[in-house]
Amino acid sequence: METIRSDVAAWESYGFSAESGERKSARELLIQHLGRCASRAGLSTGLRALTDYVSASHYLLVRHDVSPEAGLETVVASDWPFDMVRSIAGSVLASQSRMSELDKCLGLLKPCFHHLAEGAPVPKGVSREYCVIAFHVGRARMSLLLLFPEHFILSQSKLRDVGVMTGYFASVCCKGAILRQDREMELTEREIECLYWIAEGKTSDEIAVILGISRNTINNYITSVMRKTATKTRSEAIAWAVRNSLV
């Protein structure tokens, strides 16, 4: 009975009539609602529906595959209090930059839980523990961060559903902005050449001889590659290149 009530409530909250048509599950209703939001580019409305589906209180959608110094520019959409966003942005980026490429792959669509720092401002009645679900939109790595009411019992199956649905939904709503930013961050032919020779185990001096340019210029290209790929070491840049079939 409780499930039926919750499904009827979901049906009506998404703008459908509970009296007409075939009764559907909350999951089916959510998918239909996301389709309508996507057609109207209603990113915030869709994220709010996904948040409500798992009975979370707040959502924060961030993009990781940009410069680690970008800070708040990595935030795609959020209804978290601004002070909380500002306090957590740096730590979220730092935690991602410390992960290996293998860890990033293994963590996709897997709900992970973390605690906010003691000094972080939290709304009354909201738990200090938050959930992170990572996914890819094209080459872009993104995460949905969810806050929950205190002492709330979470549904792991619904969290997994939300990870998959958020990935598809964001791929539609954010596609244009991501493609524009991807074009701005595209590697040049010289940068790809440097990546190739790094992957072959060559040093900057050796690459300089091969390409017939100075060692400093090679280092500048490599620095640019790491900035554009949001990597911190040459090994991470090689792993990124392998994952994106560039070498």
C-alpha atoms as a PDB file:
ATOM      1  CA  MET A   1       0.000   0.000   0.000  1.00  0.00           C
ATOM      2  CA  GLU A   2       2.816   2.407   0.871  1.00  0.00           C
ATOM      3  CA  THR A   3       4.453   1.750  -2.529  1.00  0.00           C
ATOM      4  CA  ILE A   4       1.188   2.448  -4.333  1.00  0.00           C
ATOM      5  CA  ARG A   5       0.808   5.725  -2.441  1.00  0.00           C
ATOM      6  CA  SER A   6       4.348   6.786  -3.285  1.00  0.00           C
ATOM      7  CA  ASP A   7       3.847   5.920  -6.972  1.00  0.00           C
ATOM      8  CA  VAL A   8       0.610   7.928  -7.120  1.00  0.00           C
ATOM      9  CA  ALA A   9       2.357  10.862  -5.471  1.00  0.00           C
ATOM     10  CA  ALA A  10       5.193  10.610  -7.990  1.00  0.00           C
ATOM     11  CA  TRP A  11       2.719  10.420 -10.890  1.00  0.00           C
ATOM     12  CA  GLU A  12       0.966  13.601  -9.795  1.00  0.00           C
ATOM     13  CA  SER A  13       4.209  15.429  -8.965  1.00  0.00           C
ATOM     14  CA  TYR A  14       5.420  14.827 -12.548  1.00  0.00           C
ATOM     15  CA  GLY A  15       2.241  16.322 -14.001  1.00  0.00           C
ATOM     16  CA  PHE A  16       0.306  13.159 -14.889  1.00  0.00           C
ATOM     17  CA  SER A  17      -3.209  12.295 -13.757  1.00  0.00           C
ATOM     18  CA  ALA A  18      -3.418   9.445 -11.237  1.00  0.00           C
ATOM     19  CA  GLU A  19      -6.935   8.573 -12.409  1.00  0.00           C
ATOM     20  CA  SER A  20      -6.169   8.046 -16.081  1.00  0.00           C
ATOM     21  CA  GLY A  21      -4.036   5.515 -17.905  1.00  0.00           C
ATOM     22  CA  GLU A  22      -2.049   2.536 -16.748  1.00  0.00           C
ATOM     23  CA  ARG A  23      -0.541   2.739 -13.263  1.00  0.00           C
ATOM     24  CA  LYS A  24       3.259   2.820 -13.472  1.00  0.00           C
ATOM     25  CA  SER A  25       6.128   2.543 -11.025  1.00  0.00           C
ATOM     26  CA  ALA A  26       7.942   5.580  -9.658  1.00  0.00           C
ATOM     27  CA  ARG A  27      10.970   4.597 -11.775  1.00  0.00           C
ATOM     28  CA  GLU A  28       8.952   4.516 -15.003  1.00  0.00           C
ATOM     29  CA  LEU A  29       7.350   7.839 -14.165  1.00  0.00           C
ATOM     30  CA  LEU A  30      10.735   9.384 -13.478  1.00  0.00           C
ATOM     31  CA  ILE A  31      12.095   8.207 -16.846  1.00  0.00           C
ATOM     32  CA  GLN A  32       9.100   9.748 -18.635  1.00  0.00           C
ATOM     33  CA  HIS A  33       9.514  12.975 -16.686  1.00  0.00           C
ATOM     34  CA  LEU A  34      13.243  13.170 -17.516  1.00  0.00           C
ATOM     35  CA  GLY A  35      12.388  12.745 -21.191  1.00  0.00           C
ATOM     36  CA  ARG A  36      10.118  15.778 -21.017  1.00  0.00           C
ATOM     37  CA  CYS A  37      12.729  17.788 -19.106  1.00  0.00           C
ATOM     38  CA  ALA A  38      15.445  16.848 -21.608  1.00  0.00           C
ATOM     39  CA  SER A  39      13.336  18.010 -24.549  1.00  0.00           C
ATOM     40  CA  ARG A  40      13.002  21.405 -22.846  1.00  0.00           C
ATOM     41  CA  ALA A  41      16.638  21.460 -21.628  1.00  0.00           C
ATOM     42  CA  GLY A  42      15.298  21.532 -18.062  1.00  0.00           C
ATOM     43  CA  LEU A  43      18.494  20.449 -16.322  1.00  0.00           C
ATOM     44  CA  SER A  44      17.596  21.758 -12.858  1.00  0.00           C
ATOM     45  CA  THR A  45      14.050  20.366 -13.009  1.00  0.00           C
ATOM     46  CA  GLY A  46      15.331  16.935 -13.999  1.00  0.00           C
ATOM     47  CA  LEU A  47      18.022  16.910 -11.317  1.00  0.00           C
ATOM     48  CA  ARG A  48      15.415  17.880  -8.732  1.00  0.00           C
ATOM     49  CA  ALA A  49      13.258  14.912  -9.815  1.00  0.00           C
ATOM     50  CA  LEU A  50      16.259  12.558  -9.564  1.00  0.00           C
ATOM     51  CA  THR A  51      17.023  13.947  -6.116  1.00  0.00           C
ATOM     52  CA  ASP A  52      13.442  13.403  -4.965  1.00  0.00           C
ATOM     53  CA  TYR A  53      13.481   9.844  -6.349  1.00  0.00           C
ATOM     54  CA  VAL A  54      16.082   8.800  -3.750  1.00  0.00           C
ATOM     55  CA  SER A  55      14.557  11.087  -1.078  1.00  0.00           C
ATOM     56  CA  ALA A  56      17.689  13.255  -1.028  1.00  0.00           C
ATOM     57  CA  SER A  57      17.475  16.878   0.073  1.00  0.00           C
ATOM     58  CA  HIS A  58      20.018  18.606  -2.215  1.00  0.00           C
ATOM     59  CA  TYR A  59      21.933  17.924  -5.448  1.00  0.00           C
ATOM     60  CA  LEU A  60      25.282  19.157  -6.776  1.00  0.00           C
ATOM     61  CA  LEU A  61      26.439  18.264 -10.302  1.00  0.00           C
ATOM     62  CA  VAL A  62      30.140  18.853 -10.987  1.00  0.00           C
ATOM     63  CA  ARG A  63      32.544  18.257 -13.867  1.00  0.00           C
ATOM     64  CA  HIS A  64      36.026  16.915 -13.114  1.00  0.00           C
ATOM     65  CA  ASP A  65      37.895  16.853 -16.418  1.00  0.00           C
ATOM     66  CA  VAL A  66      38.918  20.512 -16.272  1.00  0.00           C
ATOM     67  CA  SER A  67      41.819  22.316 -14.689  1.00  0.00           C
ATOM     68  CA  PRO A  68      42.191  21.539 -10.952  1.00  0.00           C
ATOM     69  CA  GLU A  69      42.434  25.304 -10.380  1.00  0.00           C
ATOM     70  CA  ALA A  70      38.976  25.910 -11.860  1.00  0.00           C
ATOM     71  CA  GLY A  71      37.240  25.809  -8.446  1.00  0.00           C
ATOM     72  CA  LEU A  72      33.577  26.802  -8.636  1.00  0.00           C
ATOM     73  CA  GLU A  73      33.728  26.794 -12.442  1.00  0.00           C
ATOM     74  CA  THR A  74      33.457  22.994 -12.244  1.00  0.00           C
ATOM     75  CA  VAL A  75      29.903  23.277 -10.857  1.00  0.00           C
ATOM     76  CA  VAL A  76      27.322  22.524 -13.565  1.00  0.00           C
ATOM     77  CA  ALA A  77      24.149  22.803 -11.452  1.00  0.00           C
ATOM     78  CA  SER A  78      23.354  22.854  -7.737  1.00  0.00           C
ATOM     79  CA  ASP A  79      20.799  23.668  -5.089  1.00  0.00           C
ATOM     80  CA  TRP A  80      23.288  23.284  -2.221  1.00  0.00           C
ATOM     81  CA  PRO A  81      23.745  26.408  -0.073  1.00  0.00           C
ATOM     82  CA  PHE A  82      26.483  28.495  -1.701  1.00  0.00           C
ATOM     83  CA  ASP A  83      28.753  28.431   1.356  1.00  0.00           C
ATOM     84  CA  MET A  84      28.680  24.622   1.265  1.00  0.00           C
ATOM     85  CA  VAL A  85      29.545  24.544  -2.432  1.00  0.00           C
ATOM     86  CA  ARG A  86      32.443  26.910  -1.898  1.00  0.00           C
ATOM     87  CA  SER A  87      33.762  24.891   1.035  1.00  0.00           C
ATOM     88  CA  ILE A  88      33.590  21.518  -0.716  1.00  0.00           C
ATOM     89  CA  ALA A  89      34.614  22.366  -4.310  1.00  0.00           C
ATOM     90  CA  GLY A  90      38.336  22.250  -3.567  1.00  0.00           C
ATOM     91  CA  SER A  91      38.213  18.965  -1.668  1.00  0.00           C
ATOM     92  CA  VAL A  92      36.124  17.264  -4.372  1.00  0.00           C
ATOM     93  CA  LEU A  93      38.618  18.295  -7.054  1.00  0.00           C
ATOM     94  CA  ALA A  94      41.554  17.260  -4.874  1.00  0.00           C
ATOM     95  CA  SER A  95      40.077  13.823  -4.166  1.00  0.00           C
ATOM     96  CA  GLN A  96      39.550  13.230  -7.887  1.00  0.00           C
ATOM     97  CA  SER A  97      43.068  14.327  -8.799  1.00  0.00           C
ATOM     98  CA  ARG A  98      44.504  11.808  -6.298  1.00  0.00           C
ATOM     99  CA  MET A  99      42.641   8.890  -7.917  1.00  0.00           C
ATOM    100  CA  SER A 100      44.405   6.689 -10.452  1.00  0.00           C
ATOM    101  CA  GLU A 101      42.815   6.089 -13.860  1.00  0.00           C
ATOM    102  CA  LEU A 102      41.983   2.527 -12.768  1.00  0.00           C
ATOM    103  CA  ASP A 103      40.239   3.768  -9.603  1.00  0.00           C
ATOM    104  CA  LYS A 104      38.253   6.266 -11.670  1.00  0.00           C
ATOM    105  CA  CYS A 105      37.049   3.501 -13.993  1.00  0.00           C
ATOM    106  CA  LEU A 106      36.162   1.130 -11.143  1.00  0.00           C
ATOM    107  CA  GLY A 107      34.256   3.900  -9.353  1.00  0.00           C
ATOM    108  CA  LEU A 108      31.885   4.696 -12.234  1.00  0.00           C
ATOM    109  CA  LEU A 109      28.183   4.500 -11.271  1.00  0.00           C
ATOM    110  CA  LYS A 110      29.145   3.200  -7.835  1.00  0.00           C
ATOM    111  CA  PRO A 111      27.607   5.209  -4.949  1.00  0.00           C
ATOM    112  CA  CYS A 112      30.395   6.304  -2.584  1.00  0.00           C
ATOM    113  CA  PHE A 113      29.936   8.058   0.736  1.00  0.00           C
ATOM    114  CA  HIS A 114      32.055  10.802   2.298  1.00  0.00           C
ATOM    115  CA  HIS A 115      31.804  13.142   5.283  1.00  0.00           C
ATOM    116  CA  LEU A 116      31.792  16.917   5.109  1.00  0.00           C
ATOM    117  CA  ALA A 117      34.519  18.691   7.038  1.00  0.00           C
ATOM    118  CA  GLU A 118      33.566  19.698  10.570  1.00  0.00           C
ATOM    119  CA  GLY A 119      33.625  23.390   9.707  1.00  0.00           C
ATOM    120  CA  ALA A 120      31.366  23.065   6.668  1.00  0.00           C
ATOM    121  CA  PRO A 121      27.961  24.764   7.141  1.00  0.00           C
ATOM    122  CA  VAL A 122      25.136  22.209   6.919  1.00  0.00           C
ATOM    123  CA  PRO A 123      21.391  23.016   6.825  1.00  0.00           C
ATOM    124  CA  LYS A 124      19.441  21.943   9.893  1.00  0.00           C
ATOM    125  CA  GLY A 125      18.276  18.329   9.717  1.00  0.00           C
ATOM    126  CA  VAL A 126      20.725  17.396   6.931  1.00  0.00           C
ATOM    127  CA  SER A 127      23.337  14.690   7.456  1.00  0.00           C
ATOM    128  CA  ARG A 128      27.053  15.518   7.197  1.00  0.00           C
ATOM    129  CA  GLU A 129      27.487  12.382   5.106  1.00  0.00           C
ATOM    130  CA  TYR A 130      26.981  12.836   1.371  1.00  0.00           C
ATOM    131  CA  CYS A 131      26.827  10.458  -1.568  1.00  0.00           C
ATOM    132  CA  VAL A 132      28.919  10.761  -4.761  1.00  0.00           C
ATOM    133  CA  ILE A 133      27.988   8.973  -8.005  1.00  0.00           C
ATOM    134  CA  ALA A 134      30.461   9.394 -10.887  1.00  0.00           C
ATOM    135  CA  PHE A 135      29.710   8.879 -14.580  1.00  0.00           C
ATOM    136  CA  HIS A 136      30.933   9.949 -18.019  1.00  0.00           C
ATOM    137  CA  VAL A 137      29.297  12.220 -20.573  1.00  0.00           C
ATOM    138  CA  GLY A 138      31.426  11.643 -23.653  1.00  0.00           C
ATOM    139  CA  ARG A 139      34.974  12.368 -22.512  1.00  0.00           C
ATOM    140  CA  ALA A 140      33.772  14.460 -19.590  1.00  0.00           C
ATOM    141  CA  ARG A 141      33.857  12.888 -16.128  1.00  0.00           C
ATOM    142  CA  MET A 142      31.051  14.176 -13.914  1.00  0.00           C
ATOM    143  CA  SER A 143      29.703  13.442 -10.442  1.00  0.00           C
ATOM    144  CA  LEU A 144      26.355  13.899  -8.761  1.00  0.00           C
ATOM    145  CA  LEU A 145      26.707  14.740  -5.052  1.00  0.00           C
ATOM    146  CA  LEU A 146      23.613  14.185  -2.916  1.00  0.00           C
ATOM    147  CA  LEU A 147      22.784  15.343   0.603  1.00  0.00           C
ATOM    148  CA  PHE A 148      20.226  13.447   2.699  1.00  0.00           C
ATOM    149  CA  PRO A 149      18.143  14.083   5.787  1.00  0.00           C
ATOM    150  CA  GLU A 150      19.687  12.838   9.028  1.00  0.00           C
ATOM    151  CA  HIS A 151      19.078   9.176   9.956  1.00  0.00           C
ATOM    152  CA  PHE A 152      17.602   8.394   6.533  1.00  0.00           C
ATOM    153  CA  ILE A 153      17.851   4.767   5.323  1.00  0.00           C
ATOM    154  CA  LEU A 154      19.084   4.783   1.720  1.00  0.00           C
ATOM    155  CA  SER A 155      18.055   2.505  -1.143  1.00  0.00           C
ATOM    156  CA  GLN A 156      21.172   1.202  -2.923  1.00  0.00           C
ATOM    157  CA  SER A 157      19.151   0.084  -5.949  1.00  0.00           C
ATOM    158  CA  LYS A 158      17.629   3.555  -6.347  1.00  0.00           C
ATOM    159  CA  LEU A 159      21.061   5.175  -6.006  1.00  0.00           C
ATOM    160  CA  ARG A 160      22.362   2.968  -8.832  1.00  0.00           C
ATOM    161  CA  ASP A 161      19.314   3.886 -10.930  1.00  0.00           C
ATOM    162  CA  VAL A 162      19.998   7.565 -10.332  1.00  0.00           C
ATOM    163  CA  GLY A 163      23.620   7.198 -11.429  1.00  0.00           C
ATOM    164  CA  VAL A 164      22.622   5.671 -14.769  1.00  0.00           C
ATOM    165  CA  MET A 165      19.713   8.047 -15.367  1.00  0.00           C
ATOM    166  CA  THR A 166      21.732  11.135 -14.439  1.00  0.00           C
ATOM    167  CA  GLY A 167      24.410  10.100 -16.933  1.00  0.00           C
ATOM    168  CA  TYR A 168      21.908   9.801 -19.777  1.00  0.00           C
ATOM    169  CA  PHE A 169      20.029  12.935 -18.757  1.00  0.00           C
ATOM    170  CA  ALA A 170      23.190  15.049 -18.459  1.00  0.00           C
ATOM    171  CA  SER A 171      24.430  13.737 -21.816  1.00  0.00           C
ATOM    172  CA  VAL A 172      21.362  15.328 -23.428  1.00  0.00           C
ATOM    173  CA  CYS A 173      21.115  18.535 -21.404  1.00  0.00           C
ATOM    174  CA  CYS A 174      24.849  19.294 -21.134  1.00  0.00           C
ATOM    175  CA  LYS A 175      25.956  18.033 -24.527  1.00  0.00           C
ATOM    176  CA  GLY A 176      26.195  21.460 -26.180  1.00  0.00           C
ATOM    177  CA  ALA A 177      28.175  23.082 -23.369  1.00  0.00           C
ATOM    178  CA  ILE A 178      30.500  20.083 -23.061  1.00  0.00           C
ATOM    179  CA  LEU A 179      31.168  19.999 -26.805  1.00  0.00           C
ATOM    180  CA  ARG A 180      32.011  23.715 -26.797  1.00  0.00           C
ATOM    181  CA  GLN A 181      34.390  23.287 -23.889  1.00  0.00           C
ATOM    182  CA  ASP A 182      35.870  20.150 -25.460  1.00  0.00           C
ATOM    183  CA  ARG A 183      36.668  22.126 -28.589  1.00  0.00           C
ATOM    184  CA  GLU A 184      38.425  24.744 -26.482  1.00  0.00           C
ATOM    185  CA  MET A 185      40.376  21.991 -24.705  1.00  0.00           C
ATOM    186  CA  GLU A 186      41.242  19.939 -27.793  1.00  0.00           C
ATOM    187  CA  LEU A 187      44.882  18.946 -28.084  1.00  0.00           C
ATOM    188  CA  THR A 188      46.920  20.329 -30.968  1.00  0.00           C
ATOM    189  CA  GLU A 189      48.837  18.064 -33.362  1.00  0.00           C
ATOM    190  CA  ARG A 190      52.113  18.979 -31.624  1.00  0.00           C
ATOM    191  CA  GLU A 191      50.645  18.162 -28.208  1.00  0.00           C
ATOM    192  CA  ILE A 192      49.451  14.770 -29.452  1.00  0.00           C
ATOM    193  CA  GLU A 193      52.913  14.130 -30.923  1.00  0.00           C
ATOM    194  CA  CYS A 194      54.477  14.873 -27.547  1.00  0.00           C
ATOM    195  CA  LEU A 195      51.990  12.546 -25.846  1.00  0.00           C
ATOM    196  CA  TYR A 196      52.876   9.786 -28.290  1.00  0.00           C
ATOM    197  CA  TRP A 197      56.610  10.085 -27.649  1.00  0.00           C
ATOM    198  CA  ILE A 198      56.084  10.314 -23.875  1.00  0.00           C
ATOM    199  CA  ALA A 199      54.108   7.057 -24.110  1.00  0.00           C
ATOM    200  CA  GLU A 200      57.084   5.586 -25.982  1.00  0.00           C
ATOM    201  CA  GLY A 201      59.266   6.389 -22.979  1.00  0.00           C
ATOM    202  CA  LYS A 202      61.125   9.351 -24.475  1.00  0.00           C
ATOM    203  CA  THR A 203      62.448  12.235 -22.350  1.00  0.00           C
ATOM    204  CA  SER A 204      61.925  15.909 -23.162  1.00  0.00           C
ATOM    205  CA  ASP A 205      65.470  16.114 -24.557  1.00  0.00           C
ATOM    206  CA  GLU A 206      64.899  13.110 -26.804  1.00  0.00           C
ATOM    207  CA  ILE A 207      61.539  14.437 -28.042  1.00  0.00           C
ATOM    208  CA  ALA A 208      63.178  17.798 -28.768  1.00  0.00           C
ATOM    209  CA  VAL A 209      65.718  16.074 -31.017  1.00  0.00           C
ATOM    210  CA  ILE A 210      63.019  13.999 -32.753  1.00  0.00           C
ATOM    211  CA  LEU A 211      60.745  16.992 -33.455  1.00  0.00           C
ATOM    212  CA  GLY A 212      63.558  19.480 -34.057  1.00  0.00           C
ATOM    213  CA  ILE A 213      62.420  22.034 -31.467  1.00  0.00           C
ATOM    214  CA  SER A 214      63.772  23.173 -28.124  1.00  0.00           C
ATOM    215  CA  ARG A 215      63.460  21.262 -24.846  1.00  0.00           C
ATOM    216  CA  ASN A 216      61.623  24.222 -23.239  1.00  0.00           C
ATOM    217  CA  THR A 217      59.061  24.188 -26.041  1.00  0.00           C
ATOM    218  CA  ILE A 218      58.494  20.456 -25.501  1.00  0.00           C
ATOM    219  CA  ASN A 219      57.975  21.041 -21.778  1.00  0.00           C
ATOM    220  CA  ASN A 220      55.480  23.824 -22.581  1.00  0.00           C
ATOM    221  CA  TYR A 221      53.524  21.438 -24.826  1.00  0.00           C
ATOM    222  CA  ILE A 222      53.497  18.779 -22.115  1.00  0.00           C
ATOM    223  CA  THR A 223      52.373  21.308 -19.497  1.00  0.00           C
ATOM    224  CA  SER A 224      49.547  22.359 -21.820  1.00  0.00           C
ATOM    225  CA  VAL A 225      48.523  18.721 -22.303  1.00  0.00           C
ATOM    226  CA  MET A 226      48.319  18.153 -18.538  1.00  0.00           C
ATOM    227  CA  ARG A 227      46.309  21.357 -18.067  1.00  0.00           C
ATOM    228  CA  LYS A 228      43.801  20.411 -20.767  1.00  0.00           C
ATOM    229  CA  THR A 229      43.452  16.822 -19.546  1.00  0.00           C
ATOM    230  CA  ALA A 230      43.339  17.756 -15.841  1.00  0.00           C
ATOM    231  CA  THR A 231      46.262  15.432 -15.103  1.00  0.00           C
ATOM    232  CA  LYS A 232      49.177  16.108 -12.774  1.00  0.00           C
ATOM    233  CA  THR A 233      51.904  13.764 -14.042  1.00  0.00           C
ATOM    234  CA  ARG A 234      53.129  12.423 -17.359  1.00  0.00           C
ATOM    235  CA  SER A 235      51.960   8.938 -16.378  1.00  0.00           C
ATOM    236  CA  GLU A 236      48.428  10.222 -15.774  1.00  0.00           C
ATOM    237  CA  ALA A 237      48.499  12.051 -19.118  1.00  0.00           C
ATOM    238  CA  ILE A 238      49.533   8.808 -20.868  1.00  0.00           C
ATOM    239  CA  ALA A 239      46.719   6.902 -19.131  1.00  0.00           C
ATOM    240  CA  TRP A 240      44.254   9.600 -20.242  1.00  0.00           C
ATOM    241  CA  ALA A 241      45.557   9.352 -23.820  1.00  0.00           C
ATOM    242  CA  VAL A 242      45.216   5.552 -23.823  1.00  0.00           C
ATOM    243  CA  ARG A 243      41.675   5.764 -22.453  1.00  0.00           C
ATOM    244  CA  ASN A 244      40.732   8.219 -25.225  1.00  0.00           C
ATOM    245  CA  SER A 245      42.504   6.183 -27.961  1.00  0.00           C
ATOM    246  CA  LEU A 246      45.029   8.932 -28.769  1.00  0.00           C
ATOM    247  CA  VAL A 247      48.109   6.702 -28.423  1.00  0.00           C
END
